[in-house]
Amino acid sequence: QAALEAGLAFTNAILGAAHAMSHQVGGLLDLPHGVINGILLPNVIRFNAAADPEPYREIAVCLGVADPEAPGADAAHALADRID
């Protein structure tokens, strides 16, 4: 049931670069999909933050990783560093 609900959820979502790449890398290296997502996510955050750091700044602030007054790029990189 959980897998079905997850599938229904992600058919309506734009999952992003980490998820897209994890299918290929996971198959190549025979590693679990979630592990590869976790490995790729910090790098994708850093890449995406160059174009739009604001969504990552909001997440970083909510998680207590960055100060609310921190510049977006700094907060995004702090979030990526925390995940790393």
PDB file of N, CA and C in Angstrom:
ATOM      1  N   GLN A   1       0.830  -1.186   0.000  1.00  0.00           N
ATOM      2  CA  GLN A   1       0.000   0.000   0.000  1.00  0.00           C
ATOM      3  C   GLN A   1       0.883   1.261   0.000  1.00  0.00           C
ATOM      4  N   ALA A   2       1.929   1.258   0.795  1.00  0.00           N
ATOM      5  CA  ALA A   2       2.796   2.436   0.872  1.00  0.00           C
ATOM      6  C   ALA A   2       3.459   2.720  -0.468  1.00  0.00           C
ATOM      7  N   ALA A   3       3.912   1.679  -1.156  1.00  0.00           N
ATOM      8  CA  ALA A   3       4.553   1.875  -2.460  1.00  0.00           C
ATOM      9  C   ALA A   3       3.565   2.443  -3.465  1.00  0.00           C
ATOM     10  N   LEU A   4       2.328   1.969  -3.418  1.00  0.00           N
ATOM     11  CA  LEU A   4       1.293   2.494  -4.309  1.00  0.00           C
ATOM     12  C   LEU A   4       1.060   3.975  -4.047  1.00  0.00           C
ATOM     13  N   GLU A   5       0.911   4.334  -2.783  1.00  0.00           N
ATOM     14  CA  GLU A   5       0.670   5.735  -2.437  1.00  0.00           C
ATOM     15  C   GLU A   5       1.858   6.613  -2.824  1.00  0.00           C
ATOM     16  N   ALA A   6       3.067   6.115  -2.640  1.00  0.00           N
ATOM     17  CA  ALA A   6       4.251   6.878  -3.049  1.00  0.00           C
ATOM     18  C   ALA A   6       4.247   7.072  -4.555  1.00  0.00           C
ATOM     19  N   GLY A   7       3.932   6.027  -5.292  1.00  0.00           N
ATOM     20  CA  GLY A   7       3.870   6.131  -6.750  1.00  0.00           C
ATOM     21  C   GLY A   7       2.831   7.126  -7.209  1.00  0.00           C
ATOM     22  N   LEU A   8       1.674   7.114  -6.574  1.00  0.00           N
ATOM     23  CA  LEU A   8       0.630   8.079  -6.921  1.00  0.00           C
ATOM     24  C   LEU A   8       1.082   9.503  -6.617  1.00  0.00           C
ATOM     25  N   ALA A   9       1.803   9.675  -5.526  1.00  0.00           N
ATOM     26  CA  ALA A   9       2.273  11.009  -5.153  1.00  0.00           C
ATOM     27  C   ALA A   9       3.309  11.523  -6.131  1.00  0.00           C
ATOM     28  N   PHE A  10       4.290  10.703  -6.494  1.00  0.00           N
ATOM     29  CA  PHE A  10       5.345  11.246  -7.341  1.00  0.00           C
ATOM     30  C   PHE A  10       4.964  11.338  -8.804  1.00  0.00           C
ATOM     31  N   THR A  11       3.840  10.765  -9.208  1.00  0.00           N
ATOM     32  CA  THR A  11       3.383  10.994 -10.579  1.00  0.00           C
ATOM     33  C   THR A  11       2.857  12.407 -10.738  1.00  0.00           C
ATOM     34  N   ASN A  12       2.509  13.047  -9.634  1.00  0.00           N
ATOM     35  CA  ASN A  12       1.997  14.419  -9.669  1.00  0.00           C
ATOM     36  C   ASN A  12       3.042  15.443  -9.250  1.00  0.00           C
ATOM     37  N   ALA A  13       4.237  15.015  -8.980  1.00  0.00           N
ATOM     38  CA  ALA A  13       5.277  15.922  -8.493  1.00  0.00           C
ATOM     39  C   ALA A  13       6.433  15.979  -9.485  1.00  0.00           C
ATOM     40  N   ILE A  14       7.131  17.081  -9.451  1.00  0.00           N
ATOM     41  CA  ILE A  14       8.366  17.204 -10.219  1.00  0.00           C
ATOM     42  C   ILE A  14       9.485  16.833  -9.250  1.00  0.00           C
ATOM     43  N   LEU A  15      10.087  15.682  -9.458  1.00  0.00           N
ATOM     44  CA  LEU A  15      10.995  15.131  -8.456  1.00  0.00           C
ATOM     45  C   LEU A  15      12.406  15.687  -8.528  1.00  0.00           C
ATOM     46  N   GLY A  16      12.829  16.184  -9.649  1.00  0.00           N
ATOM     47  CA  GLY A  16      14.107  16.851  -9.724  1.00  0.00           C
ATOM     48  C   GLY A  16      15.277  15.986 -10.132  1.00  0.00           C
ATOM     49  N   ALA A  17      16.413  16.644 -10.187  1.00  0.00           N
ATOM     50  CA  ALA A  17      17.629  16.052 -10.733  1.00  0.00           C
ATOM     51  C   ALA A  17      18.170  14.907  -9.882  1.00  0.00           C
ATOM     52  N   ALA A  18      18.157  15.052  -8.567  1.00  0.00           N
ATOM     53  CA  ALA A  18      18.711  13.985  -7.721  1.00  0.00           C
ATOM     54  C   ALA A  18      17.958  12.684  -7.956  1.00  0.00           C
ATOM     55  N   HIS A  19      16.656  12.766  -8.001  1.00  0.00           N
ATOM     56  CA  HIS A  19      15.842  11.571  -8.200  1.00  0.00           C
ATOM     57  C   HIS A  19      16.056  10.991  -9.589  1.00  0.00           C
ATOM     58  N   ALA A  20      16.100  11.840 -10.596  1.00  0.00           N
ATOM     59  CA  ALA A  20      16.292  11.357 -11.968  1.00  0.00           C
ATOM     60  C   ALA A  20      17.642  10.659 -12.125  1.00  0.00           C
ATOM     61  N   MET A  21      18.685  11.258 -11.587  1.00  0.00           N
ATOM     62  CA  MET A  21      20.018  10.660 -11.710  1.00  0.00           C
ATOM     63  C   MET A  21      20.169   9.406 -10.863  1.00  0.00           C
ATOM     64  N   SER A  22      19.449   9.333  -9.758  1.00  0.00           N
ATOM     65  CA  SER A  22      19.628   8.186  -8.869  1.00  0.00           C
ATOM     66  C   SER A  22      19.192   6.879  -9.518  1.00  0.00           C
ATOM     67  N   HIS A  23      18.234   6.935 -10.431  1.00  0.00           N
ATOM     68  CA  HIS A  23      17.840   5.711 -11.140  1.00  0.00           C
ATOM     69  C   HIS A  23      19.019   5.155 -11.934  1.00  0.00           C
ATOM     70  N   GLN A  24      19.685   6.025 -12.664  1.00  0.00           N
ATOM     71  CA  GLN A  24      20.799   5.589 -13.504  1.00  0.00           C
ATOM     72  C   GLN A  24      22.000   5.152 -12.677  1.00  0.00           C
ATOM     73  N   VAL A  25      22.372   5.957 -11.708  1.00  0.00           N
ATOM     74  CA  VAL A  25      23.548   5.649 -10.889  1.00  0.00           C
ATOM     75  C   VAL A  25      23.299   4.400 -10.044  1.00  0.00           C
ATOM     76  N   GLY A  26      22.101   4.295  -9.491  1.00  0.00           N
ATOM     77  CA  GLY A  26      21.775   3.125  -8.678  1.00  0.00           C
ATOM     78  C   GLY A  26      21.849   1.836  -9.471  1.00  0.00           C
ATOM     79  N   GLY A  27      21.366   1.883 -10.719  1.00  0.00           N
ATOM     80  CA  GLY A  27      21.447   0.704 -11.572  1.00  0.00           C
ATOM     81  C   GLY A  27      22.877   0.364 -11.944  1.00  0.00           C
ATOM     82  N   LEU A  28      23.656   1.390 -12.202  1.00  0.00           N
ATOM     83  CA  LEU A  28      25.053   1.185 -12.572  1.00  0.00           C
ATOM     84  C   LEU A  28      25.862   0.586 -11.423  1.00  0.00           C
ATOM     85  N   LEU A  29      25.624   1.085 -10.223  1.00  0.00           N
ATOM     86  CA  LEU A  29      26.410   0.658  -9.065  1.00  0.00           C
ATOM     87  C   LEU A  29      25.715  -0.394  -8.205  1.00  0.00           C
ATOM     88  N   ASP A  30      24.489  -0.752  -8.569  1.00  0.00           N
ATOM     89  CA  ASP A  30      23.697  -1.720  -7.814  1.00  0.00           C
ATOM     90  C   ASP A  30      23.566  -1.310  -6.344  1.00  0.00           C
ATOM     91  N   LEU A  31      23.172  -0.052  -6.145  1.00  0.00           N
ATOM     92  CA  LEU A  31      22.955   0.477  -4.801  1.00  0.00           C
ATOM     93  C   LEU A  31      21.498   0.886  -4.653  1.00  0.00           C
ATOM     94  N   PRO A  32      20.983   0.923  -3.425  1.00  0.00           N
ATOM     95  CA  PRO A  32      19.587   1.302  -3.211  1.00  0.00           C
ATOM     96  C   PRO A  32      19.297   2.730  -3.684  1.00  0.00           C
ATOM     97  N   HIS A  33      18.115   2.890  -4.243  1.00  0.00           N
ATOM     98  CA  HIS A  33      17.667   4.168  -4.793  1.00  0.00           C
ATOM     99  C   HIS A  33      17.755   5.295  -3.756  1.00  0.00           C
ATOM    100  N   GLY A  34      17.310   5.031  -2.541  1.00  0.00           N
ATOM    101  CA  GLY A  34      17.330   6.057  -1.503  1.00  0.00           C
ATOM    102  C   GLY A  34      18.732   6.471  -1.100  1.00  0.00           C
ATOM    103  N   VAL A  35      19.650   5.532  -1.084  1.00  0.00           N
ATOM    104  CA  VAL A  35      21.045   5.841  -0.750  1.00  0.00           C
ATOM    105  C   VAL A  35      21.629   6.780  -1.797  1.00  0.00           C
ATOM    106  N   ILE A  36      21.394   6.472  -3.059  1.00  0.00           N
ATOM    107  CA  ILE A  36      21.913   7.319  -4.138  1.00  0.00           C
ATOM    108  C   ILE A  36      21.271   8.701  -4.083  1.00  0.00           C
ATOM    109  N   ASN A  37      19.973   8.775  -3.800  1.00  0.00           N
ATOM    110  CA  ASN A  37      19.326  10.078  -3.652  1.00  0.00           C
ATOM    111  C   ASN A  37      20.033  10.905  -2.587  1.00  0.00           C
ATOM    112  N   GLY A  38      20.328  10.282  -1.462  1.00  0.00           N
ATOM    113  CA  GLY A  38      20.999  10.988  -0.377  1.00  0.00           C
ATOM    114  C   GLY A  38      22.396  11.455  -0.733  1.00  0.00           C
ATOM    115  N   ILE A  39      23.094  10.670  -1.524  1.00  0.00           N
ATOM    116  CA  ILE A  39      24.445  11.045  -1.945  1.00  0.00           C
ATOM    117  C   ILE A  39      24.405  12.206  -2.932  1.00  0.00           C
ATOM    118  N   LEU A  40      23.444  12.178  -3.842  1.00  0.00           N
ATOM    119  CA  LEU A  40      23.374  13.205  -4.882  1.00  0.00           C
ATOM    120  C   LEU A  40      22.748  14.514  -4.405  1.00  0.00           C
ATOM    121  N   LEU A  41      21.856  14.444  -3.428  1.00  0.00           N
ATOM    122  CA  LEU A  41      21.077  15.618  -3.036  1.00  0.00           C
ATOM    123  C   LEU A  41      21.912  16.853  -2.684  1.00  0.00           C
ATOM    124  N   PRO A  42      22.955  16.756  -1.871  1.00  0.00           N
ATOM    125  CA  PRO A  42      23.713  17.969  -1.553  1.00  0.00           C
ATOM    126  C   PRO A  42      24.306  18.647  -2.791  1.00  0.00           C
ATOM    127  N   ASN A  43      24.772  17.853  -3.732  1.00  0.00           N
ATOM    128  CA  ASN A  43      25.343  18.429  -4.953  1.00  0.00           C
ATOM    129  C   ASN A  43      24.277  19.076  -5.822  1.00  0.00           C
ATOM    130  N   VAL A  44      23.103  18.483  -5.873  1.00  0.00           N
ATOM    131  CA  VAL A  44      22.001  19.070  -6.637  1.00  0.00           C
ATOM    132  C   VAL A  44      21.543  20.370  -5.977  1.00  0.00           C
ATOM    133  N   ILE A  45      21.503  20.401  -4.661  1.00  0.00           N
ATOM    134  CA  ILE A  45      21.142  21.639  -3.962  1.00  0.00           C
ATOM    135  C   ILE A  45      22.129  22.742  -4.318  1.00  0.00           C
ATOM    136  N   ARG A  46      23.410  22.443  -4.275  1.00  0.00           N
ATOM    137  CA  ARG A  46      24.419  23.460  -4.610  1.00  0.00           C
ATOM    138  C   ARG A  46      24.262  23.944  -6.051  1.00  0.00           C
ATOM    139  N   PHE A  47      24.015  23.025  -6.960  1.00  0.00           N
ATOM    140  CA  PHE A  47      23.848  23.385  -8.371  1.00  0.00           C
ATOM    141  C   PHE A  47      22.603  24.244  -8.560  1.00  0.00           C
ATOM    142  N   ASN A  48      21.478  23.806  -8.020  1.00  0.00           N
ATOM    143  CA  ASN A  48      20.224  24.541  -8.190  1.00  0.00           C
ATOM    144  C   ASN A  48      20.248  25.892  -7.485  1.00  0.00           C
ATOM    145  N   ALA A  49      20.942  25.969  -6.364  1.00  0.00           N
ATOM    146  CA  ALA A  49      20.984  27.218  -5.604  1.00  0.00           C
ATOM    147  C   ALA A  49      21.663  28.338  -6.379  1.00  0.00           C
ATOM    148  N   ALA A  50      22.495  27.989  -7.336  1.00  0.00           N
ATOM    149  CA  ALA A  50      23.125  29.030  -8.160  1.00  0.00           C
ATOM    150  C   ALA A  50      22.075  29.795  -8.951  1.00  0.00           C
ATOM    151  N   ALA A  51      20.990  29.132  -9.317  1.00  0.00           N
ATOM    152  CA  ALA A  51      19.923  29.782 -10.080  1.00  0.00           C
ATOM    153  C   ALA A  51      18.840  30.353  -9.174  1.00  0.00           C
ATOM    154  N   ASP A  52      18.502  29.644  -8.084  1.00  0.00           N
ATOM    155  CA  ASP A  52      17.426  30.097  -7.196  1.00  0.00           C
ATOM    156  C   ASP A  52      17.637  29.525  -5.796  1.00  0.00           C
ATOM    157  N   PRO A  53      18.334  30.249  -4.943  1.00  0.00           N
ATOM    158  CA  PRO A  53      18.625  29.721  -3.610  1.00  0.00           C
ATOM    159  C   PRO A  53      17.464  29.830  -2.622  1.00  0.00           C
ATOM    160  N   GLU A  54      16.451  30.625  -2.934  1.00  0.00           N
ATOM    161  CA  GLU A  54      15.399  30.923  -1.964  1.00  0.00           C
ATOM    162  C   GLU A  54      14.683  29.688  -1.402  1.00  0.00           C
ATOM    163  N   PRO A  55      14.271  28.727  -2.210  1.00  0.00           N
ATOM    164  CA  PRO A  55      13.600  27.558  -1.607  1.00  0.00           C
ATOM    165  C   PRO A  55      14.499  26.822  -0.607  1.00  0.00           C
ATOM    166  N   TYR A  56      15.774  26.769  -0.901  1.00  0.00           N
ATOM    167  CA  TYR A  56      16.708  26.090  -0.010  1.00  0.00           C
ATOM    168  C   TYR A  56      16.978  26.923   1.236  1.00  0.00           C
ATOM    169  N   ARG A  57      16.961  28.237   1.099  1.00  0.00           N
ATOM    170  CA  ARG A  57      17.120  29.112   2.262  1.00  0.00           C
ATOM    171  C   ARG A  57      15.981  28.875   3.241  1.00  0.00           C
ATOM    172  N   GLU A  58      14.762  28.794   2.713  1.00  0.00           N
ATOM    173  CA  GLU A  58      13.602  28.568   3.576  1.00  0.00           C
ATOM    174  C   GLU A  58      13.716  27.245   4.329  1.00  0.00           C
ATOM    175  N   ILE A  59      14.139  26.206   3.643  1.00  0.00           N
ATOM    176  CA  ILE A  59      14.303  24.898   4.286  1.00  0.00           C
ATOM    177  C   ILE A  59      15.405  24.968   5.338  1.00  0.00           C
ATOM    178  N   ALA A  60      16.520  25.604   4.997  1.00  0.00           N
ATOM    179  CA  ALA A  60      17.644  25.709   5.932  1.00  0.00           C
ATOM    180  C   ALA A  60      17.232  26.447   7.198  1.00  0.00           C
ATOM    181  N   VAL A  61      16.467  27.507   7.046  1.00  0.00           N
ATOM    182  CA  VAL A  61      16.007  28.270   8.210  1.00  0.00           C
ATOM    183  C   VAL A  61      15.064  27.420   9.057  1.00  0.00           C
ATOM    184  N   CYS A  62      14.125  26.737   8.420  1.00  0.00           N
ATOM    185  CA  CYS A  62      13.177  25.887   9.154  1.00  0.00           C
ATOM    186  C   CYS A  62      13.876  24.776   9.931  1.00  0.00           C
ATOM    187  N   LEU A  63      14.962  24.258   9.377  1.00  0.00           N
ATOM    188  CA  LEU A  63      15.702  23.186  10.042  1.00  0.00           C
ATOM    189  C   LEU A  63      16.729  23.705  11.044  1.00  0.00           C
ATOM    190  N   GLY A  64      16.862  25.027  11.144  1.00  0.00           N
ATOM    191  CA  GLY A  64      17.815  25.599  12.076  1.00  0.00           C
ATOM    192  C   GLY A  64      19.253  25.541  11.611  1.00  0.00           C
ATOM    193  N   VAL A  65      19.447  25.347  10.316  1.00  0.00           N
ATOM    194  CA  VAL A  65      20.789  25.252   9.747  1.00  0.00           C
ATOM    195  C   VAL A  65      21.331  26.630   9.394  1.00  0.00           C
ATOM    196  N   ALA A  66      20.432  27.582   9.153  1.00  0.00           N
ATOM    197  CA  ALA A  66      20.848  28.930   8.755  1.00  0.00           C
ATOM    198  C   ALA A  66      19.998  29.968   9.477  1.00  0.00           C
ATOM    199  N   ASP A  67      20.586  31.113   9.676  1.00  0.00           N
ATOM    200  CA  ASP A  67      19.895  32.248  10.275  1.00  0.00           C
ATOM    201  C   ASP A  67      18.904  32.825   9.269  1.00  0.00           C
ATOM    202  N   PRO A  68      17.743  33.291   9.711  1.00  0.00           N
ATOM    203  CA  PRO A  68      16.768  33.870   8.779  1.00  0.00           C
ATOM    204  C   PRO A  68      17.306  35.052   7.974  1.00  0.00           C
ATOM    205  N   GLU A  69      18.316  35.723   8.490  1.00  0.00           N
ATOM    206  CA  GLU A  69      18.887  36.874   7.788  1.00  0.00           C
ATOM    207  C   GLU A  69      20.030  36.491   6.849  1.00  0.00           C
ATOM    208  N   ALA A  70      20.387  35.233   6.819  1.00  0.00           N
ATOM    209  CA  ALA A  70      21.505  34.791   5.975  1.00  0.00           C
ATOM    210  C   ALA A  70      21.156  34.946   4.502  1.00  0.00           C
ATOM    211  N   PRO A  71      22.131  35.329   3.689  1.00  0.00           N
ATOM    212  CA  PRO A  71      21.893  35.381   2.243  1.00  0.00           C
ATOM    213  C   PRO A  71      21.478  34.001   1.728  1.00  0.00           C
ATOM    214  N   GLY A  72      20.645  33.990   0.703  1.00  0.00           N
ATOM    215  CA  GLY A  72      20.108  32.744   0.173  1.00  0.00           C
ATOM    216  C   GLY A  72      21.158  31.725  -0.195  1.00  0.00           C
ATOM    217  N   ALA A  73      22.192  32.160  -0.905  1.00  0.00           N
ATOM    218  CA  ALA A  73      23.228  31.219  -1.344  1.00  0.00           C
ATOM    219  C   ALA A  73      23.963  30.613  -0.152  1.00  0.00           C
ATOM    220  N   ASP A  74      24.256  31.428   0.855  1.00  0.00           N
ATOM    221  CA  ASP A  74      24.946  30.919   2.045  1.00  0.00           C
ATOM    222  C   ASP A  74      24.088  29.889   2.772  1.00  0.00           C
ATOM    223  N   ALA A  75      22.803  30.194   2.900  1.00  0.00           N
ATOM    224  CA  ALA A  75      21.894  29.274   3.579  1.00  0.00           C
ATOM    225  C   ALA A  75      21.754  27.970   2.806  1.00  0.00           C
ATOM    226  N   ALA A  76      21.658  28.070   1.487  1.00  0.00           N
ATOM    227  CA  ALA A  76      21.534  26.866   0.655  1.00  0.00           C
ATOM    228  C   ALA A  76      22.768  25.989   0.794  1.00  0.00           C
ATOM    229  N   HIS A  77      23.931  26.606   0.801  1.00  0.00           N
ATOM    230  CA  HIS A  77      25.166  25.831   0.948  1.00  0.00           C
ATOM    231  C   HIS A  77      25.279  25.233   2.350  1.00  0.00           C
ATOM    232  N   ALA A  78      24.791  25.948   3.354  1.00  0.00           N
ATOM    233  CA  ALA A  78      24.787  25.393   4.714  1.00  0.00           C
ATOM    234  C   ALA A  78      23.877  24.167   4.780  1.00  0.00           C
ATOM    235  N   LEU A  79      22.750  24.230   4.088  1.00  0.00           N
ATOM    236  CA  LEU A  79      21.845  23.084   4.038  1.00  0.00           C
ATOM    237  C   LEU A  79      22.519  21.896   3.361  1.00  0.00           C
ATOM    238  N   ALA A  80      23.146  22.147   2.227  1.00  0.00           N
ATOM    239  CA  ALA A  80      23.838  21.071   1.509  1.00  0.00           C
ATOM    240  C   ALA A  80      24.952  20.478   2.366  1.00  0.00           C
ATOM    241  N   ASP A  81      25.694  21.336   3.057  1.00  0.00           N
ATOM    242  CA  ASP A  81      26.774  20.855   3.925  1.00  0.00           C
ATOM    243  C   ASP A  81      26.224  19.990   5.057  1.00  0.00           C
ATOM    244  N   ARG A  82      25.085  20.378   5.592  1.00  0.00           N
ATOM    245  CA  ARG A  82      24.470  19.614   6.687  1.00  0.00           C
ATOM    246  C   ARG A  82      24.046  18.228   6.206  1.00  0.00           C
ATOM    247  N   ILE A  83      23.510  18.154   4.995  1.00  0.00           N
ATOM    248  CA  ILE A  83      23.084  16.871   4.434  1.00  0.00           C
ATOM    249  C   ILE A  83      24.296  16.008   4.123  1.00  0.00           C
ATOM    250  N   ASP A  84      25.354  16.655   3.627  1.00  0.00           N
ATOM    251  CA  ASP A  84      26.596  15.929   3.326  1.00  0.00           C
ATOM    252  C   ASP A  84      27.101  15.268   4.576  1.00  0.00           C
TER     253      ASP A  84
END
